[in-house]
Amino acid sequence: MSANRDGLLAGASLCGRHAACKANARPGRMVASTDPYMLRTLLWCGPCDLPMHPNPSRGQRTYKCGQGCRRGALPAEAVEAVTWTAAERRATLAAIRPPYRKSVLEQLLARVVVNSEAPDDLRFIWRT
């Protein structure tokens, strides 16, 4: 494999630690994203079982339930940080640069379910 200009290996496995992890990894290459909402297609409302959507509010990046069941929007930065930390514990991700993180999370996660108003009360549904 050859290193690309960003220092990432083209086609590199995201789960370098275990053979079982490699066997279960979702195929695909990492792609850079300019989307400011890393969890756009992954974040789901626990009570409603519906996707949560980006909700720019007063210059802040937030996510909100499409049904409006939650009074407040969740701060995007906090939810994304908790999710990225969980992904780092699951796979070897130390060399992944920020533009590639959305792609990495889409390969590792099926959903991130928000259980309450707290941005760290999340349930992760990993791809197998």
Protein backbone atom coordinates (compact mmCIF):
# COMPACT_ATOMS: atom_id res chain seq x y z
CA MET A 1 0.00 0.00 0.00
CA SER A 2 1.17 3.51 -0.67
CA ALA A 3 0.71 6.45 1.65
CA ASN A 4 -1.47 9.25 0.30
CA ARG A 5 -0.59 12.92 0.63
CA ASP A 6 -2.36 13.18 4.02
CA GLY A 7 -0.26 10.42 5.52
CA LEU A 8 -3.03 7.83 5.59
CA LEU A 9 -2.62 4.45 4.00
CA ALA A 10 -4.88 3.90 1.01
CA GLY A 11 -7.23 1.05 1.79
CA ALA A 12 -5.79 0.58 5.29
CA SER A 13 -7.80 -1.42 7.79
CA LEU A 14 -9.42 0.58 10.57
CA CYS A 15 -9.21 -2.37 12.97
CA GLY A 16 -5.58 -3.34 12.98
CA ARG A 17 -5.56 -5.08 16.37
CA HIS A 18 -7.47 -8.31 15.85
CA ALA A 19 -7.98 -10.71 12.95
CA ALA A 20 -11.68 -11.02 13.87
CA CYS A 21 -12.04 -7.26 13.63
CA LYS A 22 -10.52 -7.28 10.15
CA ALA A 23 -12.91 -10.02 9.06
CA ASN A 24 -15.92 -7.97 10.25
CA ALA A 25 -14.77 -4.59 8.95
CA ARG A 26 -17.08 -2.88 6.48
CA PRO A 27 -15.24 -2.67 3.16
CA GLY A 28 -14.49 0.72 1.74
CA ARG A 29 -11.91 3.41 1.61
CA MET A 30 -11.75 6.43 3.81
CA VAL A 31 -12.79 9.64 2.12
CA ALA A 32 -12.32 13.19 3.32
CA SER A 33 -15.48 15.08 4.22
CA THR A 34 -16.19 18.78 4.46
CA ASP A 35 -19.52 18.11 6.20
CA PRO A 36 -19.38 19.87 9.58
CA TYR A 37 -21.82 17.28 11.01
CA MET A 38 -19.86 14.07 11.50
CA LEU A 39 -22.89 12.10 12.75
CA ARG A 40 -25.38 13.32 10.11
CA THR A 41 -26.54 9.82 9.09
CA LEU A 42 -25.67 7.98 12.31
CA LEU A 43 -27.38 9.82 15.18
CA TRP A 44 -30.80 8.50 16.25
CA CYS A 45 -33.27 9.56 18.93
CA GLY A 46 -33.73 6.78 21.48
CA PRO A 47 -37.33 7.58 22.52
CA CYS A 48 -38.61 8.16 18.95
CA ASP A 49 -36.35 5.71 17.10
CA LEU A 50 -35.98 8.33 14.37
CA PRO A 51 -32.87 9.97 12.93
CA MET A 52 -31.67 13.20 14.49
CA HIS A 53 -30.78 16.04 12.13
CA PRO A 54 -28.22 18.84 12.05
CA ASN A 55 -29.74 21.98 13.49
CA PRO A 56 -27.56 25.09 13.20
CA SER A 57 -28.73 27.38 15.97
CA ARG A 58 -27.35 30.83 16.77
CA GLY A 59 -23.99 30.03 15.22
CA GLN A 60 -23.73 26.72 17.09
CA ARG A 61 -23.62 23.25 15.55
CA THR A 62 -26.32 21.11 17.16
CA TYR A 63 -28.43 18.01 16.45
CA LYS A 64 -32.18 17.86 17.04
CA CYS A 65 -34.83 15.15 16.88
CA GLY A 66 -37.03 15.45 13.78
CA GLN A 67 -40.17 14.89 15.88
CA GLY A 68 -39.22 17.60 18.36
CA CYS A 69 -39.55 15.27 21.36
CA ARG A 70 -36.52 16.85 23.01
CA ARG A 71 -36.73 20.37 24.38
CA GLY A 72 -33.18 21.28 23.57
CA ALA A 73 -30.80 20.52 20.78
CA LEU A 74 -27.65 18.51 21.56
CA PRO A 75 -24.31 20.25 21.05
CA ALA A 76 -22.68 18.60 18.04
CA GLU A 77 -19.13 18.98 19.33
CA ALA A 78 -19.87 17.15 22.58
CA VAL A 79 -21.80 14.25 20.97
CA GLU A 80 -19.15 13.85 18.25
CA ALA A 81 -16.31 13.87 20.80
CA VAL A 82 -17.94 11.13 22.92
CA THR A 83 -18.62 9.06 19.78
CA TRP A 84 -15.06 9.46 18.47
CA THR A 85 -13.63 8.42 21.85
CA ALA A 86 -15.79 5.26 21.78
CA ALA A 87 -14.60 4.51 18.25
CA GLU A 88 -10.96 4.96 19.30
CA ARG A 89 -11.46 2.35 22.01
CA ARG A 90 -12.91 -0.04 19.42
CA ALA A 91 -10.29 0.32 16.66
CA THR A 92 -6.81 1.65 16.02
CA LEU A 93 -7.55 5.21 14.92
CA ALA A 94 -4.65 7.30 16.19
CA ALA A 95 -3.50 8.38 12.71
CA ILE A 96 -6.93 9.38 11.36
CA ARG A 97 -7.09 13.08 10.52
CA PRO A 98 -10.31 15.06 11.18
CA PRO A 99 -11.51 15.25 7.54
CA TYR A 100 -11.60 11.43 7.44
CA ARG A 101 -13.40 10.87 10.74
CA LYS A 102 -16.94 10.96 9.30
CA SER A 103 -15.98 8.23 6.81
CA VAL A 104 -14.38 6.14 9.56
CA LEU A 105 -17.44 6.41 11.81
CA GLU A 106 -19.74 5.43 8.94
CA GLN A 107 -17.63 2.30 8.44
CA LEU A 108 -17.58 1.36 12.14
CA LEU A 109 -21.07 2.35 13.32
CA ALA A 110 -24.58 1.48 12.22
CA ARG A 111 -26.17 3.98 14.65
CA VAL A 112 -25.52 6.23 17.61
CA VAL A 113 -28.65 6.37 19.77
CA VAL A 114 -29.19 9.38 22.03
CA ASN A 115 -30.81 8.23 25.27
CA SER A 116 -31.39 11.52 27.09
CA GLU A 117 -30.66 15.24 26.96
CA ALA A 118 -27.04 14.62 27.98
CA PRO A 119 -24.59 14.54 25.05
CA ASP A 120 -22.67 11.68 26.67
CA ASP A 121 -25.70 9.41 27.23
CA LEU A 122 -25.24 7.47 23.99
CA ARG A 123 -25.64 3.85 22.90
CA PHE A 124 -23.39 2.68 20.07
CA ILE A 125 -24.56 0.06 17.58
CA TRP A 126 -21.42 -1.20 15.89
CA ARG A 127 -21.33 -2.83 12.48
CA THR A 128 -20.47 -6.52 12.64
